[in-house]
Amino acid sequence: MDTIINVIHVIAALSLILTVLLQAGKGAAMGSGLGAGSSQTMFGSSGAGNFLTKLTTGIAILFMVTSLTLAVFSTKKKSSSLIQGVEEPVQKQGSPTSTGNPSK
């Protein structure tokens, strides 16, 4: 399940980047680079604005949902420690300097 959501998340991220880059700026004319007389003839009379805006919104919602899902999944995993099975070393009762021969 985790792998499927990761794959969907990566695809949504790449698609979101692509759809944002396909959109024209507010003052830019998309067809002007191709020599077209009207800037809206490339995508029909209504243009690509409505379709790309709705597509970007849908992909952004998918991206947010997968982000939240991955965050919830990551908090529910048990954390494991590398030193979980290591025992503490045993402390000796006597200290090495208490043998009766103090060194000066």
N, C-alpha and C. Protein backbone atom coordinates (compact mmCIF):
# COMPACT_ATOMS: atom_id res chain seq x y z
N MET A 1 0.83 -1.20 0.00
CA MET A 1 0.00 0.00 0.00
C MET A 1 0.87 1.25 0.00
N ASP A 2 1.93 1.19 0.79
CA ASP A 2 2.82 2.34 0.89
C ASP A 2 3.52 2.62 -0.43
N THR A 3 3.90 1.57 -1.13
CA THR A 3 4.59 1.72 -2.42
C THR A 3 3.66 2.32 -3.47
N ILE A 4 2.41 1.90 -3.47
CA ILE A 4 1.45 2.41 -4.45
C ILE A 4 1.23 3.90 -4.25
N ILE A 5 1.10 4.31 -3.00
CA ILE A 5 0.88 5.74 -2.73
C ILE A 5 2.13 6.54 -3.08
N ASN A 6 3.31 5.99 -2.85
CA ASN A 6 4.55 6.68 -3.24
C ASN A 6 4.61 6.87 -4.75
N VAL A 7 4.25 5.86 -5.50
CA VAL A 7 4.27 5.96 -6.97
C VAL A 7 3.26 7.01 -7.44
N ILE A 8 2.05 6.97 -6.89
CA ILE A 8 1.03 7.97 -7.26
C ILE A 8 1.50 9.37 -6.90
N HIS A 9 2.17 9.51 -5.76
CA HIS A 9 2.66 10.81 -5.32
C HIS A 9 3.71 11.37 -6.28
N VAL A 10 4.62 10.53 -6.72
CA VAL A 10 5.67 10.98 -7.66
C VAL A 10 5.06 11.35 -9.01
N ILE A 11 4.12 10.54 -9.48
CA ILE A 11 3.46 10.84 -10.76
C ILE A 11 2.67 12.14 -10.65
N ALA A 12 2.00 12.35 -9.52
CA ALA A 12 1.25 13.59 -9.33
C ALA A 12 2.18 14.79 -9.28
N ALA A 13 3.32 14.64 -8.64
CA ALA A 13 4.28 15.76 -8.56
C ALA A 13 4.80 16.13 -9.95
N LEU A 14 5.17 15.13 -10.74
CA LEU A 14 5.68 15.41 -12.09
C LEU A 14 4.58 15.99 -12.98
N SER A 15 3.37 15.48 -12.85
CA SER A 15 2.25 16.00 -13.64
C SER A 15 1.91 17.44 -13.25
N LEU A 16 1.99 17.73 -11.97
CA LEU A 16 1.72 19.08 -11.51
C LEU A 16 2.75 20.06 -12.06
N ILE A 17 4.01 19.65 -12.07
CA ILE A 17 5.06 20.51 -12.65
C ILE A 17 4.77 20.75 -14.14
N LEU A 18 4.41 19.69 -14.85
CA LEU A 18 4.16 19.81 -16.29
C LEU A 18 2.97 20.70 -16.59
N THR A 19 1.88 20.54 -15.85
CA THR A 19 0.70 21.36 -16.14
C THR A 19 0.90 22.82 -15.78
N VAL A 20 1.68 23.08 -14.74
CA VAL A 20 1.95 24.48 -14.40
C VAL A 20 2.84 25.12 -15.47
N LEU A 21 3.80 24.38 -15.96
CA LEU A 21 4.67 24.93 -17.00
C LEU A 21 3.96 25.10 -18.34
N LEU A 22 2.92 24.32 -18.59
CA LEU A 22 2.16 24.46 -19.84
C LEU A 22 1.28 25.70 -19.85
N GLN A 23 0.90 26.18 -18.70
CA GLN A 23 0.00 27.32 -18.66
C GLN A 23 0.74 28.60 -19.05
N ALA A 24 0.00 29.44 -19.72
CA ALA A 24 0.57 30.72 -20.16
C ALA A 24 0.46 31.73 -19.03
N GLY A 25 1.33 32.71 -19.06
CA GLY A 25 1.24 33.79 -18.10
C GLY A 25 0.03 34.66 -18.41
N LYS A 26 -0.25 35.60 -17.55
CA LYS A 26 -1.45 36.43 -17.73
C LYS A 26 -1.39 37.27 -19.00
N GLY A 27 -0.23 37.80 -19.33
CA GLY A 27 -0.14 38.66 -20.50
C GLY A 27 0.46 37.98 -21.71
N ALA A 28 0.81 36.71 -21.59
CA ALA A 28 1.49 36.03 -22.70
C ALA A 28 0.48 35.48 -23.70
N ALA A 29 0.87 35.50 -24.93
CA ALA A 29 0.05 34.92 -25.98
C ALA A 29 0.67 33.59 -26.40
N MET A 30 -0.07 32.49 -26.23
CA MET A 30 0.51 31.17 -26.47
C MET A 30 0.83 30.93 -27.95
N GLY A 31 -0.01 31.40 -28.82
CA GLY A 31 0.19 31.13 -30.24
C GLY A 31 1.14 32.09 -30.92
N SER A 32 1.60 33.10 -30.24
CA SER A 32 2.44 34.10 -30.90
C SER A 32 3.79 33.54 -31.33
N GLY A 33 4.28 32.55 -30.64
CA GLY A 33 5.55 31.94 -31.00
C GLY A 33 5.46 31.09 -32.25
N LEU A 34 4.26 30.64 -32.57
CA LEU A 34 4.07 29.80 -33.74
C LEU A 34 3.60 30.59 -34.95
N GLY A 35 3.44 31.88 -34.80
CA GLY A 35 3.03 32.71 -35.92
C GLY A 35 1.54 32.75 -36.14
N ALA A 36 0.77 32.28 -35.21
CA ALA A 36 -0.69 32.29 -35.36
C ALA A 36 -1.21 33.71 -35.13
N GLY A 37 -2.27 34.04 -35.81
CA GLY A 37 -2.82 35.37 -35.68
C GLY A 37 -3.51 35.59 -34.35
N SER A 38 -4.22 34.59 -33.88
CA SER A 38 -4.94 34.70 -32.62
C SER A 38 -4.26 33.80 -31.60
N SER A 39 -4.23 34.26 -30.37
CA SER A 39 -3.54 33.48 -29.35
C SER A 39 -4.36 32.28 -28.90
N GLN A 40 -5.65 32.22 -29.22
CA GLN A 40 -6.49 31.14 -28.75
C GLN A 40 -6.75 30.08 -29.82
N THR A 41 -6.20 30.22 -31.02
CA THR A 41 -6.49 29.25 -32.07
C THR A 41 -5.81 27.91 -31.86
N MET A 42 -4.81 27.87 -31.02
CA MET A 42 -4.09 26.62 -30.81
C MET A 42 -4.98 25.60 -30.08
N PHE A 43 -5.79 26.03 -29.12
CA PHE A 43 -6.61 25.11 -28.33
C PHE A 43 -8.10 25.31 -28.57
N GLY A 44 -8.46 25.89 -29.66
CA GLY A 44 -9.86 26.12 -29.96
C GLY A 44 -10.28 27.52 -29.55
N SER A 45 -11.57 27.80 -29.69
CA SER A 45 -12.02 29.16 -29.43
C SER A 45 -12.04 29.51 -27.95
N SER A 46 -12.25 28.49 -27.09
CA SER A 46 -12.29 28.80 -25.66
C SER A 46 -10.90 28.84 -25.05
N GLY A 47 -9.92 28.28 -25.72
CA GLY A 47 -8.56 28.32 -25.20
C GLY A 47 -8.29 27.19 -24.23
N ALA A 48 -7.05 27.15 -23.75
CA ALA A 48 -6.64 26.07 -22.85
C ALA A 48 -6.75 26.48 -21.40
N GLY A 49 -7.13 27.70 -21.14
CA GLY A 49 -7.16 28.21 -19.78
C GLY A 49 -8.04 27.42 -18.85
N ASN A 50 -9.27 27.17 -19.25
CA ASN A 50 -10.20 26.46 -18.37
C ASN A 50 -9.76 25.03 -18.14
N PHE A 51 -9.37 24.33 -19.20
CA PHE A 51 -8.98 22.93 -19.06
C PHE A 51 -7.72 22.78 -18.21
N LEU A 52 -6.70 23.58 -18.52
CA LEU A 52 -5.46 23.48 -17.75
C LEU A 52 -5.64 23.91 -16.30
N THR A 53 -6.49 24.87 -16.05
CA THR A 53 -6.74 25.31 -14.68
C THR A 53 -7.43 24.20 -13.88
N LYS A 54 -8.42 23.56 -14.47
CA LYS A 54 -9.12 22.47 -13.79
C LYS A 54 -8.21 21.26 -13.61
N LEU A 55 -7.39 20.98 -14.61
CA LEU A 55 -6.46 19.86 -14.52
C LEU A 55 -5.43 20.11 -13.42
N THR A 56 -4.92 21.33 -13.36
CA THR A 56 -3.94 21.67 -12.32
C THR A 56 -4.57 21.58 -10.94
N THR A 57 -5.81 22.01 -10.80
CA THR A 57 -6.49 21.93 -9.51
C THR A 57 -6.69 20.48 -9.08
N GLY A 58 -7.09 19.64 -10.01
CA GLY A 58 -7.30 18.22 -9.70
C GLY A 58 -6.01 17.53 -9.30
N ILE A 59 -4.94 17.80 -10.04
CA ILE A 59 -3.65 17.18 -9.72
C ILE A 59 -3.12 17.71 -8.39
N ALA A 60 -3.33 18.99 -8.12
CA ALA A 60 -2.88 19.56 -6.84
C ALA A 60 -3.63 18.93 -5.66
N ILE A 61 -4.92 18.69 -5.84
CA ILE A 61 -5.69 18.02 -4.78
C ILE A 61 -5.18 16.60 -4.56
N LEU A 62 -4.91 15.88 -5.65
CA LEU A 62 -4.35 14.53 -5.55
C LEU A 62 -3.00 14.55 -4.84
N PHE A 63 -2.17 15.52 -5.17
CA PHE A 63 -0.85 15.66 -4.54
C PHE A 63 -0.98 15.91 -3.04
N MET A 64 -1.91 16.78 -2.66
CA MET A 64 -2.12 17.08 -1.23
C MET A 64 -2.62 15.84 -0.47
N VAL A 65 -3.55 15.11 -1.09
CA VAL A 65 -4.10 13.92 -0.43
C VAL A 65 -3.02 12.87 -0.24
N THR A 66 -2.20 12.64 -1.27
CA THR A 66 -1.13 11.65 -1.12
C THR A 66 -0.08 12.12 -0.12
N SER A 67 0.18 13.41 -0.05
CA SER A 67 1.12 13.93 0.94
C SER A 67 0.62 13.68 2.36
N LEU A 68 -0.64 13.99 2.60
CA LEU A 68 -1.22 13.76 3.93
C LEU A 68 -1.26 12.27 4.27
N THR A 69 -1.58 11.43 3.29
CA THR A 69 -1.63 9.99 3.52
C THR A 69 -0.26 9.45 3.87
N LEU A 70 0.76 9.88 3.15
CA LEU A 70 2.12 9.43 3.46
C LEU A 70 2.57 9.92 4.83
N ALA A 71 2.16 11.12 5.22
CA ALA A 71 2.51 11.64 6.53
C ALA A 71 1.84 10.82 7.64
N VAL A 72 0.58 10.45 7.44
CA VAL A 72 -0.12 9.64 8.44
C VAL A 72 0.51 8.25 8.53
N PHE A 73 0.83 7.66 7.39
CA PHE A 73 1.47 6.34 7.40
C PHE A 73 2.83 6.36 8.09
N SER A 74 3.57 7.43 7.91
CA SER A 74 4.91 7.48 8.51
C SER A 74 4.85 7.65 10.02
N THR A 75 3.79 8.27 10.55
CA THR A 75 3.69 8.42 12.00
C THR A 75 3.18 7.15 12.67
N LYS A 76 2.51 6.29 11.93
CA LYS A 76 1.96 5.07 12.52
C LYS A 76 2.96 3.91 12.52
N LYS A 77 4.08 4.05 11.86
CA LYS A 77 5.08 2.99 11.84
C LYS A 77 5.77 2.91 13.20
N LYS A 78 6.11 1.68 13.59
CA LYS A 78 6.86 1.52 14.82
C LYS A 78 8.30 1.94 14.58
N SER A 79 8.82 2.69 15.51
CA SER A 79 10.22 3.07 15.37
C SER A 79 11.09 1.97 15.96
N SER A 80 12.14 1.66 15.29
CA SER A 80 13.03 0.62 15.77
C SER A 80 14.40 1.23 16.05
N SER A 81 15.05 0.67 17.01
CA SER A 81 16.35 1.16 17.39
C SER A 81 17.40 0.15 16.98
N LEU A 82 18.55 0.63 16.59
CA LEU A 82 19.64 -0.27 16.22
C LEU A 82 20.25 -0.94 17.45
N ILE A 83 20.15 -0.30 18.60
CA ILE A 83 20.75 -0.86 19.81
C ILE A 83 19.68 -1.42 20.74
N GLN A 84 18.59 -1.88 20.16
CA GLN A 84 17.48 -2.39 20.95
C GLN A 84 17.85 -3.71 21.63
N GLY A 85 18.59 -4.57 20.98
CA GLY A 85 18.92 -5.87 21.54
C GLY A 85 20.23 -5.90 22.31
N VAL A 86 20.92 -4.79 22.41
CA VAL A 86 22.21 -4.75 23.09
C VAL A 86 21.98 -4.58 24.58
N GLU A 87 22.66 -5.41 25.37
CA GLU A 87 22.53 -5.32 26.82
C GLU A 87 23.55 -4.35 27.38
N GLU A 88 23.25 -3.81 28.57
CA GLU A 88 24.18 -2.91 29.24
C GLU A 88 25.36 -3.69 29.79
N PRO A 89 26.55 -3.12 29.75
CA PRO A 89 27.69 -3.83 30.35
C PRO A 89 27.55 -3.88 31.86
N VAL A 90 28.02 -4.98 32.45
CA VAL A 90 27.90 -5.19 33.89
C VAL A 90 29.00 -4.39 34.59
N GLN A 91 28.62 -3.62 35.62
CA GLN A 91 29.58 -2.82 36.40
C GLN A 91 30.18 -3.70 37.49
N LYS A 92 31.49 -3.62 37.70
CA LYS A 92 32.15 -4.36 38.77
C LYS A 92 31.93 -3.64 40.09
N GLN A 93 31.85 -4.43 41.17
CA GLN A 93 31.61 -3.85 42.48
C GLN A 93 32.81 -3.06 42.99
N GLY A 94 33.98 -3.60 42.89
CA GLY A 94 35.17 -2.91 43.40
C GLY A 94 35.81 -2.06 42.32
N SER A 95 36.43 -0.97 42.74
CA SER A 95 37.13 -0.15 41.77
C SER A 95 38.59 -0.55 41.74
N PRO A 96 39.30 -0.33 40.67
CA PRO A 96 40.69 -0.77 40.57
C PRO A 96 41.64 -0.02 41.52
N THR A 97 41.28 1.16 41.98
CA THR A 97 42.19 1.91 42.88
C THR A 97 41.98 1.57 44.35
N SER A 98 41.02 0.76 44.68
CA SER A 98 40.76 0.42 46.09
C SER A 98 41.46 -0.84 46.54
N THR A 99 42.55 -1.25 45.91
CA THR A 99 43.25 -2.47 46.26
C THR A 99 44.18 -2.30 47.46
N GLY A 100 44.39 -1.14 47.92
CA GLY A 100 45.25 -0.94 49.08
C GLY A 100 46.58 -0.29 48.75
N ASN A 101 46.97 -0.26 47.52
CA ASN A 101 48.22 0.36 47.11
C ASN A 101 47.92 1.67 46.41
N PRO A 102 47.85 2.74 47.17
CA PRO A 102 47.62 4.02 46.48
C PRO A 102 48.87 4.48 45.75
N SER A 103 48.73 4.86 44.55
CA SER A 103 49.89 5.35 43.79
C SER A 103 50.01 6.86 43.99
N LYS A 104 51.27 7.29 44.30
CA LYS A 104 51.51 8.70 44.55
C LYS A 104 52.30 9.34 43.48
